[in-house]
Amino acid sequence: MTARSLRILIADDDASLRIVIPAIVLQALPNASVEVVQDGAAALESYCQRPADVVITDYEMPVMNGLDLVRALRSMRADMPILMLSGNCEVAGQACASGATTFLEKPAPISHIKALLQRWCA
């Protein structure tokens, strides 16, 4: 998988994080295509129209939360890495049991996010 062909899908209802997370992604993967949506339902719709190589999702979002998004993607046999972020570390076990590849507690260190992306997309 080359950086030129990568598509990263980000779902977060926090407007400031919809700016920060794409910036982190583009620092790690400068040639990636990044799509940002506000909730899990929009992420699922986007994924169905055009699959992503990596999904980064918040846990708590309106319409469809991150757990439901992960479950829906995995039920479609989507096998891309999924990073779930949340300020609530108590959902880490549920996130991973539902199919998230990795869970990071917010605020997650930028270096950890970059390292995951680079490892997954190498």
N, C-alpha and C. Protein backbone atom coordinates (compact mmCIF):
# COMPACT_ATOMS: atom_id res chain seq x y z
N MET A 1 0.85 -1.16 0.00
CA MET A 1 0.00 0.00 0.00
C MET A 1 0.91 1.24 0.00
N THR A 2 0.74 2.10 -0.95
CA THR A 2 1.56 3.30 -1.02
C THR A 2 0.80 4.49 -0.45
N ALA A 3 1.53 5.48 0.02
CA ALA A 3 0.90 6.65 0.62
C ALA A 3 0.00 7.37 -0.38
N ARG A 4 0.33 7.31 -1.65
CA ARG A 4 -0.47 7.99 -2.67
C ARG A 4 -1.88 7.43 -2.77
N SER A 5 -2.07 6.17 -2.49
CA SER A 5 -3.37 5.55 -2.66
C SER A 5 -4.18 5.48 -1.37
N LEU A 6 -3.63 5.95 -0.28
CA LEU A 6 -4.30 5.81 1.01
C LEU A 6 -5.49 6.74 1.16
N ARG A 7 -6.56 6.20 1.72
CA ARG A 7 -7.73 7.00 2.06
C ARG A 7 -7.99 6.80 3.54
N ILE A 8 -8.00 7.90 4.28
CA ILE A 8 -8.22 7.86 5.72
C ILE A 8 -9.56 8.50 6.01
N LEU A 9 -10.42 7.81 6.74
CA LEU A 9 -11.74 8.31 7.10
C LEU A 9 -11.76 8.61 8.59
N ILE A 10 -12.15 9.84 8.93
CA ILE A 10 -12.17 10.29 10.32
C ILE A 10 -13.59 10.67 10.70
N ALA A 11 -14.07 10.14 11.83
CA ALA A 11 -15.40 10.47 12.35
C ALA A 11 -15.26 11.02 13.76
N ASP A 12 -15.64 12.28 13.92
CA ASP A 12 -15.61 12.90 15.25
C ASP A 12 -16.60 14.05 15.28
N ASP A 13 -17.36 14.15 16.35
CA ASP A 13 -18.35 15.22 16.43
C ASP A 13 -17.78 16.53 16.97
N ASP A 14 -16.55 16.52 17.44
CA ASP A 14 -15.90 17.72 17.97
C ASP A 14 -15.25 18.50 16.81
N ALA A 15 -15.74 19.71 16.58
CA ALA A 15 -15.27 20.52 15.45
C ALA A 15 -13.77 20.76 15.50
N SER A 16 -13.22 21.00 16.68
CA SER A 16 -11.77 21.26 16.76
C SER A 16 -10.97 20.01 16.42
N LEU A 17 -11.46 18.85 16.82
CA LEU A 17 -10.74 17.61 16.49
C LEU A 17 -10.87 17.25 15.02
N ARG A 18 -11.93 17.74 14.38
CA ARG A 18 -12.06 17.52 12.93
C ARG A 18 -11.04 18.35 12.15
N ILE A 19 -10.37 19.25 12.83
CA ILE A 19 -9.26 20.01 12.23
C ILE A 19 -7.93 19.40 12.65
N VAL A 20 -7.80 19.08 13.93
CA VAL A 20 -6.53 18.59 14.48
C VAL A 20 -6.17 17.19 13.96
N ILE A 21 -7.11 16.27 13.98
CA ILE A 21 -6.79 14.89 13.60
C ILE A 21 -6.35 14.81 12.13
N PRO A 22 -7.06 15.45 11.20
CA PRO A 22 -6.56 15.40 9.81
C PRO A 22 -5.15 15.98 9.66
N ALA A 23 -4.85 17.02 10.43
CA ALA A 23 -3.50 17.60 10.37
C ALA A 23 -2.46 16.58 10.84
N ILE A 24 -2.77 15.84 11.88
CA ILE A 24 -1.86 14.79 12.37
C ILE A 24 -1.69 13.71 11.31
N VAL A 25 -2.80 13.30 10.70
CA VAL A 25 -2.74 12.27 9.66
C VAL A 25 -1.84 12.72 8.52
N LEU A 26 -2.01 13.96 8.08
CA LEU A 26 -1.23 14.45 6.95
C LEU A 26 0.24 14.67 7.30
N GLN A 27 0.54 14.88 8.57
CA GLN A 27 1.94 14.94 8.99
C GLN A 27 2.57 13.55 8.86
N ALA A 28 1.81 12.53 9.23
CA ALA A 28 2.32 11.15 9.18
C ALA A 28 2.30 10.59 7.76
N LEU A 29 1.27 10.95 7.00
CA LEU A 29 1.06 10.40 5.66
C LEU A 29 0.74 11.55 4.70
N PRO A 30 1.75 12.31 4.29
CA PRO A 30 1.52 13.54 3.54
C PRO A 30 0.72 13.39 2.25
N ASN A 31 0.73 12.23 1.63
CA ASN A 31 0.02 12.05 0.36
C ASN A 31 -1.34 11.39 0.51
N ALA A 32 -1.77 11.20 1.74
CA ALA A 32 -3.05 10.53 1.97
C ALA A 32 -4.21 11.45 1.61
N SER A 33 -5.31 10.82 1.27
CA SER A 33 -6.57 11.52 1.07
C SER A 33 -7.35 11.36 2.37
N VAL A 34 -7.83 12.47 2.93
CA VAL A 34 -8.52 12.43 4.22
C VAL A 34 -9.95 12.92 4.06
N GLU A 35 -10.90 12.15 4.57
CA GLU A 35 -12.29 12.59 4.62
C GLU A 35 -12.69 12.66 6.08
N VAL A 36 -13.39 13.73 6.43
CA VAL A 36 -13.81 13.96 7.81
C VAL A 36 -15.33 14.10 7.86
N VAL A 37 -15.95 13.35 8.77
CA VAL A 37 -17.39 13.41 8.95
C VAL A 37 -17.71 13.61 10.44
N GLN A 38 -18.97 13.94 10.73
CA GLN A 38 -19.35 14.33 12.10
C GLN A 38 -19.88 13.20 12.96
N ASP A 39 -20.22 12.06 12.37
CA ASP A 39 -20.78 10.98 13.19
C ASP A 39 -20.59 9.64 12.50
N GLY A 40 -20.90 8.58 13.23
CA GLY A 40 -20.71 7.24 12.72
C GLY A 40 -21.57 6.90 11.52
N ALA A 41 -22.80 7.42 11.49
CA ALA A 41 -23.68 7.14 10.36
C ALA A 41 -23.11 7.72 9.07
N ALA A 42 -22.60 8.94 9.14
CA ALA A 42 -21.98 9.57 7.96
C ALA A 42 -20.72 8.80 7.56
N ALA A 43 -19.98 8.31 8.55
CA ALA A 43 -18.77 7.53 8.25
C ALA A 43 -19.13 6.23 7.54
N LEU A 44 -20.16 5.56 8.02
CA LEU A 44 -20.58 4.30 7.40
C LEU A 44 -21.05 4.54 5.97
N GLU A 45 -21.82 5.59 5.77
CA GLU A 45 -22.29 5.94 4.42
C GLU A 45 -21.10 6.22 3.50
N SER A 46 -20.14 6.99 4.01
CA SER A 46 -18.96 7.32 3.22
C SER A 46 -18.17 6.05 2.88
N TYR A 47 -17.99 5.18 3.87
CA TYR A 47 -17.24 3.95 3.65
C TYR A 47 -17.93 3.08 2.59
N CYS A 48 -19.25 3.01 2.63
CA CYS A 48 -19.98 2.19 1.66
C CYS A 48 -19.82 2.74 0.24
N GLN A 49 -19.69 4.05 0.12
CA GLN A 49 -19.50 4.67 -1.19
C GLN A 49 -18.06 4.52 -1.68
N ARG A 50 -17.13 4.62 -0.75
CA ARG A 50 -15.71 4.52 -1.11
C ARG A 50 -14.93 4.02 0.10
N PRO A 51 -14.54 2.75 0.11
CA PRO A 51 -13.84 2.18 1.27
C PRO A 51 -12.57 2.95 1.63
N ALA A 52 -12.26 2.93 2.92
CA ALA A 52 -11.08 3.60 3.44
C ALA A 52 -10.02 2.57 3.82
N ASP A 53 -8.76 3.03 3.83
CA ASP A 53 -7.66 2.16 4.24
C ASP A 53 -7.48 2.15 5.75
N VAL A 54 -7.88 3.23 6.41
CA VAL A 54 -7.83 3.36 7.86
C VAL A 54 -9.04 4.19 8.28
N VAL A 55 -9.65 3.81 9.40
CA VAL A 55 -10.74 4.59 9.99
C VAL A 55 -10.29 5.04 11.38
N ILE A 56 -10.48 6.32 11.65
CA ILE A 56 -10.23 6.88 12.98
C ILE A 56 -11.58 7.40 13.47
N THR A 57 -12.03 6.90 14.61
CA THR A 57 -13.34 7.29 15.09
C THR A 57 -13.33 7.65 16.57
N ASP A 58 -14.16 8.60 16.89
CA ASP A 58 -14.45 8.94 18.27
C ASP A 58 -15.42 7.88 18.80
N TYR A 59 -15.51 7.76 20.11
CA TYR A 59 -16.47 6.83 20.70
C TYR A 59 -17.85 7.48 20.80
N GLU A 60 -17.91 8.64 21.46
CA GLU A 60 -19.20 9.30 21.71
C GLU A 60 -19.50 10.28 20.59
N MET A 61 -20.53 9.94 19.79
CA MET A 61 -20.99 10.80 18.71
C MET A 61 -22.50 10.66 18.60
N PRO A 62 -23.17 11.68 18.08
CA PRO A 62 -24.61 11.56 17.87
C PRO A 62 -24.90 10.65 16.67
N VAL A 63 -26.13 10.27 16.51
CA VAL A 63 -26.65 9.47 15.41
C VAL A 63 -26.15 8.02 15.50
N MET A 64 -24.84 7.81 15.39
CA MET A 64 -24.25 6.48 15.55
C MET A 64 -22.92 6.65 16.25
N ASN A 65 -22.74 5.96 17.38
CA ASN A 65 -21.48 6.11 18.10
C ASN A 65 -20.38 5.26 17.47
N GLY A 66 -19.17 5.41 17.99
CA GLY A 66 -18.03 4.71 17.44
C GLY A 66 -18.11 3.19 17.55
N LEU A 67 -18.66 2.69 18.66
CA LEU A 67 -18.80 1.24 18.81
C LEU A 67 -19.72 0.67 17.73
N ASP A 68 -20.84 1.34 17.51
CA ASP A 68 -21.77 0.87 16.49
C ASP A 68 -21.15 0.96 15.10
N LEU A 69 -20.36 1.99 14.86
CA LEU A 69 -19.67 2.11 13.58
C LEU A 69 -18.70 0.95 13.39
N VAL A 70 -17.90 0.66 14.40
CA VAL A 70 -16.93 -0.44 14.30
C VAL A 70 -17.65 -1.75 14.05
N ARG A 71 -18.71 -1.99 14.81
CA ARG A 71 -19.47 -3.24 14.63
C ARG A 71 -20.04 -3.34 13.21
N ALA A 72 -20.58 -2.23 12.71
CA ALA A 72 -21.16 -2.23 11.36
C ALA A 72 -20.09 -2.51 10.31
N LEU A 73 -18.94 -1.86 10.45
CA LEU A 73 -17.85 -2.08 9.49
C LEU A 73 -17.37 -3.53 9.52
N ARG A 74 -17.18 -4.06 10.71
CA ARG A 74 -16.70 -5.44 10.83
C ARG A 74 -17.75 -6.44 10.34
N SER A 75 -19.03 -6.12 10.51
CA SER A 75 -20.07 -7.03 10.01
C SER A 75 -20.07 -7.06 8.48
N MET A 76 -19.53 -6.01 7.86
CA MET A 76 -19.40 -5.96 6.40
C MET A 76 -18.09 -6.61 5.96
N ARG A 77 -17.38 -7.19 6.91
CA ARG A 77 -16.07 -7.82 6.67
C ARG A 77 -14.99 -6.82 6.28
N ALA A 78 -15.17 -5.58 6.67
CA ALA A 78 -14.14 -4.57 6.45
C ALA A 78 -12.96 -4.90 7.37
N ASP A 79 -11.78 -5.00 6.79
CA ASP A 79 -10.64 -5.46 7.60
C ASP A 79 -9.55 -4.41 7.78
N MET A 80 -9.86 -3.15 7.48
CA MET A 80 -8.86 -2.11 7.65
C MET A 80 -8.61 -1.83 9.14
N PRO A 81 -7.46 -1.24 9.47
CA PRO A 81 -7.23 -0.85 10.86
C PRO A 81 -8.22 0.24 11.28
N ILE A 82 -8.71 0.12 12.49
CA ILE A 82 -9.62 1.13 13.06
C ILE A 82 -9.05 1.60 14.38
N LEU A 83 -8.84 2.89 14.48
CA LEU A 83 -8.38 3.52 15.72
C LEU A 83 -9.57 4.21 16.36
N MET A 84 -9.89 3.81 17.60
CA MET A 84 -10.95 4.49 18.34
C MET A 84 -10.32 5.37 19.40
N LEU A 85 -10.82 6.59 19.47
CA LEU A 85 -10.36 7.57 20.46
C LEU A 85 -11.52 7.92 21.38
N SER A 86 -11.23 8.09 22.66
CA SER A 86 -12.27 8.53 23.60
C SER A 86 -11.64 9.07 24.87
N GLY A 87 -12.30 10.01 25.47
CA GLY A 87 -11.89 10.51 26.78
C GLY A 87 -12.29 9.56 27.88
N ASN A 88 -13.09 8.56 27.57
CA ASN A 88 -13.58 7.58 28.53
C ASN A 88 -12.82 6.27 28.35
N CYS A 89 -11.79 6.07 29.15
CA CYS A 89 -10.95 4.88 29.00
C CYS A 89 -11.67 3.59 29.38
N GLU A 90 -12.84 3.71 30.03
CA GLU A 90 -13.59 2.52 30.43
C GLU A 90 -14.19 1.79 29.24
N VAL A 91 -14.21 2.41 28.07
CA VAL A 91 -14.79 1.75 26.89
C VAL A 91 -13.72 1.05 26.05
N ALA A 92 -12.47 1.08 26.49
CA ALA A 92 -11.38 0.47 25.72
C ALA A 92 -11.64 -1.01 25.44
N GLY A 93 -12.05 -1.76 26.44
CA GLY A 93 -12.31 -3.18 26.27
C GLY A 93 -13.43 -3.44 25.28
N GLN A 94 -14.51 -2.67 25.39
CA GLN A 94 -15.63 -2.81 24.46
C GLN A 94 -15.18 -2.47 23.04
N ALA A 95 -14.36 -1.44 22.92
CA ALA A 95 -13.90 -1.01 21.60
C ALA A 95 -13.13 -2.13 20.92
N CYS A 96 -12.21 -2.71 21.63
CA CYS A 96 -11.39 -3.78 21.05
C CYS A 96 -12.21 -5.05 20.82
N ALA A 97 -13.12 -5.37 21.74
CA ALA A 97 -13.99 -6.54 21.56
C ALA A 97 -14.91 -6.37 20.36
N SER A 98 -15.26 -5.13 20.04
CA SER A 98 -16.13 -4.85 18.91
C SER A 98 -15.40 -4.87 17.58
N GLY A 99 -14.06 -4.84 17.64
CA GLY A 99 -13.30 -4.91 16.40
C GLY A 99 -12.36 -3.76 16.14
N ALA A 100 -12.29 -2.79 17.06
CA ALA A 100 -11.31 -1.72 16.88
C ALA A 100 -9.91 -2.33 16.98
N THR A 101 -9.03 -1.89 16.12
CA THR A 101 -7.66 -2.41 16.13
C THR A 101 -6.91 -1.90 17.34
N THR A 102 -7.11 -0.60 17.63
CA THR A 102 -6.43 0.05 18.76
C THR A 102 -7.36 1.07 19.37
N PHE A 103 -7.24 1.24 20.68
CA PHE A 103 -7.97 2.27 21.41
C PHE A 103 -6.95 3.19 22.06
N LEU A 104 -7.15 4.49 21.91
CA LEU A 104 -6.31 5.47 22.61
C LEU A 104 -7.20 6.43 23.37
N GLU A 105 -6.80 6.72 24.59
CA GLU A 105 -7.54 7.68 25.40
C GLU A 105 -7.18 9.10 24.97
N LYS A 106 -8.22 9.94 24.85
CA LYS A 106 -8.00 11.36 24.54
C LYS A 106 -7.58 12.07 25.81
N PRO A 107 -6.70 13.02 25.73
CA PRO A 107 -5.98 13.41 24.52
C PRO A 107 -4.84 12.43 24.26
N ALA A 108 -4.85 11.84 23.08
CA ALA A 108 -3.83 10.86 22.72
C ALA A 108 -2.57 11.58 22.25
N PRO A 109 -1.41 11.07 22.63
CA PRO A 109 -0.16 11.69 22.16
C PRO A 109 -0.08 11.64 20.63
N ILE A 110 0.23 12.76 20.05
CA ILE A 110 0.35 12.85 18.60
C ILE A 110 1.34 11.82 18.08
N SER A 111 2.44 11.62 18.80
CA SER A 111 3.46 10.67 18.35
C SER A 111 2.89 9.25 18.25
N HIS A 112 1.96 8.88 19.14
CA HIS A 112 1.36 7.55 19.10
C HIS A 112 0.46 7.39 17.87
N ILE A 113 -0.31 8.42 17.58
CA ILE A 113 -1.19 8.36 16.41
C ILE A 113 -0.36 8.26 15.14
N LYS A 114 0.66 9.08 15.04
CA LYS A 114 1.52 9.05 13.86
C LYS A 114 2.19 7.69 13.69
N ALA A 115 2.70 7.14 14.80
CA ALA A 115 3.39 5.85 14.73
C ALA A 115 2.43 4.74 14.28
N LEU A 116 1.21 4.75 14.78
CA LEU A 116 0.24 3.75 14.35
C LEU A 116 -0.04 3.86 12.86
N LEU A 117 -0.29 5.07 12.40
CA LEU A 117 -0.59 5.28 10.99
C LEU A 117 0.57 4.83 10.10
N GLN A 118 1.76 5.19 10.50
CA GLN A 118 2.93 4.81 9.70
C GLN A 118 3.15 3.31 9.70
N ARG A 119 2.89 2.65 10.84
CA ARG A 119 3.04 1.20 10.90
C ARG A 119 1.98 0.52 10.06
N TRP A 120 0.72 0.98 10.18
CA TRP A 120 -0.37 0.37 9.43
C TRP A 120 -0.25 0.59 7.93
N CYS A 121 0.33 1.70 7.54
CA CYS A 121 0.33 2.08 6.12
C CYS A 121 1.69 1.93 5.45
N ALA A 122 2.59 1.24 6.11
CA ALA A 122 3.94 1.07 5.54
C ALA A 122 3.92 0.15 4.34
